[in-house]
Amino acid sequence: MGSSPTSGTQVIHTLSGMGQRILHRRLSSASARLKELQKELLVVKDQMSHLVDDAEDLSLRALVSETPLADQEYREAKRHADTIVKHHDQLVVEIGEVQAKIDDLLDRMKESTR
């Protein structure tokens, strides 16, 4: 059962190297996800701008015309605008979570190299 004093150290370094690879893989995955979310957010912001503007226009039209059809068009446009605003807000939250995960991974990588 003889083990040299360095054998334990070598195992720790090997595990540390494996841990580093895992951290790098997770960091790479999180970075890719962040890029995807940021691209999606740009598209959603553009869509949101148009849908919110359309809903505001239809609101004014419904107010002026006072017809059931105009009111129905406004309510539908408002529903679409509310949905895209909710999706936008969810993306912002998810981006924040992914950024926090990336920060945590970077901190762990930094700690493991000390």
Protein backbone atom coordinates (compact mmCIF):
# COMPACT_ATOMS: atom_id res chain seq x y z
CA MET A 1 0.00 0.00 0.00
CA GLY A 2 2.91 2.27 -0.48
CA SER A 3 2.09 5.59 -1.97
CA SER A 4 4.49 8.36 -2.63
CA PRO A 5 3.84 11.81 -1.22
CA THR A 6 3.50 13.17 -4.74
CA SER A 7 0.84 10.70 -5.85
CA GLY A 8 -1.86 12.55 -3.90
CA THR A 9 -0.71 15.84 -5.36
CA GLN A 10 -0.83 14.45 -8.88
CA VAL A 11 -4.40 13.27 -8.38
CA ILE A 12 -5.41 16.71 -7.11
CA HIS A 13 -3.80 18.39 -10.14
CA THR A 14 -5.49 15.90 -12.48
CA LEU A 15 -8.86 16.56 -10.90
CA SER A 16 -8.18 20.26 -11.00
CA GLY A 17 -7.37 19.97 -14.72
CA MET A 18 -10.58 18.03 -15.30
CA GLY A 19 -12.44 20.62 -13.28
CA GLN A 20 -10.89 23.37 -15.38
CA ARG A 21 -12.06 21.65 -18.58
CA ILE A 22 -15.55 21.33 -17.18
CA LEU A 23 -15.55 24.99 -16.17
CA HIS A 24 -14.30 25.99 -19.63
CA ARG A 25 -17.02 23.90 -21.30
CA ARG A 26 -19.71 25.43 -19.07
CA LEU A 27 -18.33 28.92 -19.70
CA SER A 28 -18.32 28.33 -23.44
CA SER A 29 -21.90 27.04 -23.32
CA ALA A 30 -23.08 29.96 -21.19
CA SER A 31 -21.35 32.46 -23.48
CA ALA A 32 -23.02 30.93 -26.54
CA ARG A 33 -26.39 31.07 -24.79
CA LEU A 34 -25.80 34.71 -23.86
CA LYS A 35 -25.08 35.58 -27.50
CA GLU A 36 -28.28 33.81 -28.60
CA LEU A 37 -30.33 35.65 -26.01
CA GLN A 38 -28.83 39.01 -26.93
CA LYS A 39 -29.63 38.45 -30.62
CA GLU A 40 -33.17 37.43 -29.73
CA LEU A 41 -33.53 40.49 -27.52
CA LEU A 42 -32.64 42.78 -30.44
CA VAL A 43 -35.35 41.20 -32.58
CA VAL A 44 -37.88 41.33 -29.76
CA LYS A 45 -37.11 45.01 -29.06
CA ASP A 46 -37.82 45.86 -32.70
CA GLN A 47 -41.04 43.85 -32.70
CA MET A 48 -42.08 45.32 -29.37
CA SER A 49 -41.61 48.84 -30.63
CA HIS A 50 -43.89 48.22 -33.60
CA LEU A 51 -46.53 46.32 -31.66
CA VAL A 52 -46.71 48.89 -28.87
CA ASP A 53 -46.95 51.72 -31.43
CA ASP A 54 -49.71 49.86 -33.28
CA ALA A 55 -51.63 49.28 -30.05
CA GLU A 56 -51.37 52.98 -29.16
CA ASP A 57 -52.61 53.98 -32.61
CA LEU A 58 -55.52 51.55 -32.40
CA SER A 59 -56.34 52.80 -28.92
CA LEU A 60 -56.72 56.31 -30.24
CA ARG A 61 -58.75 55.07 -33.22
CA ALA A 62 -61.04 53.07 -30.91
CA LEU A 63 -61.52 56.10 -28.68
CA VAL A 64 -62.41 58.37 -31.60
CA SER A 65 -64.58 55.96 -33.59
CA GLU A 66 -66.33 54.34 -30.62
CA THR A 67 -67.20 51.25 -32.67
CA PRO A 68 -67.11 47.66 -31.40
CA LEU A 69 -64.82 46.63 -34.27
CA ALA A 70 -62.27 49.34 -33.47
CA ASP A 71 -62.38 48.39 -29.81
CA GLN A 72 -61.86 44.72 -30.67
CA GLU A 73 -58.89 45.59 -32.92
CA TYR A 74 -57.38 47.64 -30.12
CA ARG A 75 -57.83 44.87 -27.54
CA GLU A 76 -56.21 42.34 -29.85
CA ALA A 77 -53.28 44.66 -30.62
CA LYS A 78 -52.91 45.41 -26.91
CA ARG A 79 -52.85 41.70 -26.12
CA HIS A 80 -50.07 41.18 -28.68
CA ALA A 81 -48.12 44.14 -27.33
CA ASP A 82 -48.49 42.91 -23.75
CA THR A 83 -47.28 39.45 -24.80
CA ILE A 84 -44.15 40.79 -26.51
CA VAL A 85 -43.41 43.10 -23.56
CA LYS A 86 -43.66 40.10 -21.22
CA HIS A 87 -41.34 38.10 -23.51
CA HIS A 88 -38.90 41.02 -23.57
CA ASP A 89 -38.89 41.19 -19.78
CA GLN A 90 -38.31 37.43 -19.53
CA LEU A 91 -35.35 37.70 -21.91
CA VAL A 92 -33.84 40.51 -19.84
CA VAL A 93 -34.15 38.38 -16.70
CA GLU A 94 -32.66 35.34 -18.43
CA ILE A 95 -29.77 37.41 -19.78
CA GLY A 96 -29.08 38.62 -16.25
CA GLU A 97 -29.12 35.04 -14.96
CA VAL A 98 -26.72 33.85 -17.68
CA GLN A 99 -24.41 36.80 -17.02
CA ALA A 100 -24.43 35.93 -13.30
CA LYS A 101 -23.63 32.31 -14.18
CA ILE A 102 -20.73 33.45 -16.37
CA ASP A 103 -19.44 35.66 -13.55
CA ASP A 104 -19.67 32.73 -11.13
CA LEU A 105 -17.82 30.43 -13.52
CA LEU A 106 -15.09 33.02 -14.02
CA ASP A 107 -14.76 33.46 -10.27
CA ARG A 108 -14.49 29.68 -9.83
CA MET A 109 -11.86 29.48 -12.54
CA LYS A 110 -9.89 32.26 -10.90
CA GLU A 111 -10.13 30.57 -7.49
CA SER A 112 -9.01 27.23 -8.88
CA THR A 113 -5.84 28.73 -10.35
CA ARG A 114 -4.65 30.11 -7.01
